[in-house]
Amino acid sequence: MKTLCDLKKDYIEEHISEVIKLVDKPKYVCRKCLRSANEKDKVCKPILISDALMGKK
């Protein structure tokens, strides 16, 4: 699977249950598109949500 950032609307609609598992309890957010995920490798420009909230880059 590509990163969540690269997924198209049609893919998301067809694989919604798989996508939900990846975003259920997010720890990372993409600095480019703001999609979030449980795992670092599921977004293209990841930053820990906790770091982002503290202003770290």
N, C-alpha and C. Protein backbone atom coordinates (compact mmCIF):
# COMPACT_ATOMS: atom_id res chain seq x y z
N MET A 1 0.82 -1.18 0.00
CA MET A 1 0.00 0.00 0.00
C MET A 1 0.87 1.25 0.00
N LYS A 2 0.42 2.24 -0.71
CA LYS A 2 1.09 3.53 -0.70
C LYS A 2 0.88 4.18 0.66
N THR A 3 1.46 5.35 0.84
CA THR A 3 1.16 6.07 2.07
C THR A 3 -0.27 6.59 1.98
N LEU A 4 -0.85 6.91 3.11
CA LEU A 4 -2.19 7.46 3.13
C LEU A 4 -2.25 8.76 2.33
N CYS A 5 -1.16 9.48 2.30
CA CYS A 5 -1.10 10.75 1.58
C CYS A 5 -1.34 10.58 0.07
N ASP A 6 -0.95 9.43 -0.45
CA ASP A 6 -1.05 9.17 -1.88
C ASP A 6 -2.36 8.50 -2.31
N LEU A 7 -3.18 8.12 -1.36
CA LEU A 7 -4.39 7.39 -1.70
C LEU A 7 -5.43 8.28 -2.37
N LYS A 8 -6.06 7.75 -3.36
CA LYS A 8 -7.12 8.45 -4.08
C LYS A 8 -8.46 8.13 -3.44
N LYS A 9 -9.42 8.99 -3.66
CA LYS A 9 -10.75 8.86 -3.08
C LYS A 9 -11.37 7.49 -3.38
N ASP A 10 -11.24 7.02 -4.60
CA ASP A 10 -11.82 5.73 -4.98
C ASP A 10 -11.22 4.58 -4.18
N TYR A 11 -9.89 4.60 -3.99
CA TYR A 11 -9.24 3.55 -3.21
C TYR A 11 -9.74 3.58 -1.77
N ILE A 12 -9.83 4.77 -1.20
CA ILE A 12 -10.29 4.90 0.18
C ILE A 12 -11.69 4.34 0.32
N GLU A 13 -12.57 4.67 -0.60
CA GLU A 13 -13.94 4.18 -0.54
C GLU A 13 -14.01 2.66 -0.64
N GLU A 14 -13.17 2.06 -1.47
CA GLU A 14 -13.18 0.61 -1.67
C GLU A 14 -12.52 -0.15 -0.52
N HIS A 15 -11.63 0.49 0.21
CA HIS A 15 -10.86 -0.17 1.27
C HIS A 15 -11.04 0.54 2.62
N ILE A 16 -12.22 1.05 2.87
CA ILE A 16 -12.46 1.88 4.05
C ILE A 16 -12.10 1.19 5.36
N SER A 17 -12.40 -0.09 5.49
CA SER A 17 -12.10 -0.78 6.76
C SER A 17 -10.59 -0.87 7.00
N GLU A 18 -9.82 -1.08 5.95
CA GLU A 18 -8.36 -1.12 6.06
C GLU A 18 -7.81 0.25 6.44
N VAL A 19 -8.34 1.28 5.83
CA VAL A 19 -7.90 2.64 6.12
C VAL A 19 -8.23 3.02 7.56
N ILE A 20 -9.40 2.67 8.01
CA ILE A 20 -9.81 2.98 9.39
C ILE A 20 -8.84 2.38 10.40
N LYS A 21 -8.38 1.16 10.15
CA LYS A 21 -7.43 0.52 11.06
C LYS A 21 -6.12 1.32 11.14
N LEU A 22 -5.75 1.97 10.05
CA LEU A 22 -4.49 2.72 10.02
C LEU A 22 -4.59 4.08 10.70
N VAL A 23 -5.81 4.57 10.88
CA VAL A 23 -5.99 5.91 11.45
C VAL A 23 -6.73 5.90 12.78
N ASP A 24 -7.01 4.72 13.30
CA ASP A 24 -7.82 4.57 14.51
C ASP A 24 -7.29 5.38 15.70
N LYS A 25 -6.04 5.22 16.03
CA LYS A 25 -5.42 5.94 17.15
C LYS A 25 -4.12 6.57 16.64
N PRO A 26 -4.24 7.68 15.94
CA PRO A 26 -3.08 8.26 15.28
C PRO A 26 -2.01 8.78 16.24
N LYS A 27 -0.77 8.55 15.85
CA LYS A 27 0.39 9.06 16.57
C LYS A 27 1.16 10.06 15.70
N TYR A 28 0.97 9.95 14.39
CA TYR A 28 1.71 10.77 13.44
C TYR A 28 0.75 11.55 12.55
N VAL A 29 1.22 12.71 12.10
CA VAL A 29 0.47 13.51 11.15
C VAL A 29 1.45 13.91 10.03
N CYS A 30 0.94 14.00 8.83
CA CYS A 30 1.77 14.42 7.70
C CYS A 30 1.88 15.95 7.71
N ARG A 31 3.09 16.45 7.63
CA ARG A 31 3.31 17.90 7.62
C ARG A 31 2.85 18.55 6.33
N LYS A 32 2.64 17.75 5.31
CA LYS A 32 2.24 18.29 3.99
C LYS A 32 0.71 18.35 3.84
N CYS A 33 0.03 17.23 4.11
CA CYS A 33 -1.42 17.17 3.82
C CYS A 33 -2.28 17.01 5.07
N LEU A 34 -1.65 16.82 6.23
CA LEU A 34 -2.33 16.67 7.52
C LEU A 34 -3.10 15.38 7.70
N ARG A 35 -2.87 14.39 6.86
CA ARG A 35 -3.47 13.08 7.12
C ARG A 35 -2.75 12.49 8.33
N SER A 36 -3.45 11.67 9.09
CA SER A 36 -2.86 11.10 10.30
C SER A 36 -2.87 9.58 10.22
N ALA A 37 -1.97 8.97 11.01
CA ALA A 37 -1.84 7.51 10.98
C ALA A 37 -1.25 7.00 12.29
N ASN A 38 -1.46 5.70 12.51
CA ASN A 38 -0.90 5.02 13.68
C ASN A 38 0.60 4.79 13.55
N GLU A 39 1.07 4.60 12.30
CA GLU A 39 2.46 4.24 12.05
C GLU A 39 3.15 5.32 11.21
N LYS A 40 4.41 5.54 11.51
CA LYS A 40 5.21 6.58 10.86
C LYS A 40 5.30 6.41 9.35
N ASP A 41 5.41 5.17 8.88
CA ASP A 41 5.62 4.93 7.46
C ASP A 41 4.33 5.00 6.63
N LYS A 42 3.22 5.34 7.24
CA LYS A 42 1.94 5.42 6.52
C LYS A 42 1.63 6.84 6.02
N VAL A 43 2.46 7.82 6.40
CA VAL A 43 2.33 9.18 5.87
C VAL A 43 3.67 9.62 5.30
N CYS A 44 3.65 10.51 4.32
CA CYS A 44 4.90 10.81 3.60
C CYS A 44 5.84 11.77 4.33
N LYS A 45 5.34 12.69 5.11
CA LYS A 45 6.18 13.62 5.86
C LYS A 45 5.75 13.61 7.33
N PRO A 46 6.07 12.50 8.03
CA PRO A 46 5.54 12.31 9.38
C PRO A 46 6.19 13.18 10.45
N ILE A 47 5.37 13.57 11.39
CA ILE A 47 5.83 14.19 12.63
C ILE A 47 4.93 13.64 13.72
N LEU A 48 5.50 13.35 14.87
CA LEU A 48 4.70 12.88 15.98
C LEU A 48 3.69 13.97 16.36
N ILE A 49 2.48 13.60 16.59
CA ILE A 49 1.46 14.57 16.96
C ILE A 49 1.87 15.30 18.24
N SER A 50 2.41 14.55 19.19
CA SER A 50 2.84 15.17 20.45
C SER A 50 3.93 16.21 20.21
N ASP A 51 4.85 15.94 19.29
CA ASP A 51 5.90 16.91 18.95
C ASP A 51 5.30 18.14 18.28
N ALA A 52 4.35 17.92 17.38
CA ALA A 52 3.73 19.02 16.67
C ALA A 52 3.00 19.95 17.64
N LEU A 53 2.35 19.35 18.64
CA LEU A 53 1.64 20.15 19.63
C LEU A 53 2.58 21.00 20.48
N MET A 54 3.82 20.51 20.62
CA MET A 54 4.81 21.23 21.42
C MET A 54 5.64 22.18 20.57
N GLY A 55 5.33 22.27 19.29
CA GLY A 55 6.03 23.19 18.40
C GLY A 55 7.35 22.68 17.85
N LYS A 56 7.64 21.38 18.02
CA LYS A 56 8.86 20.80 17.46
C LYS A 56 8.67 20.51 16.00
N LYS A 57 9.78 20.50 15.25
CA LYS A 57 9.69 20.24 13.81
C LYS A 57 10.35 18.96 13.45
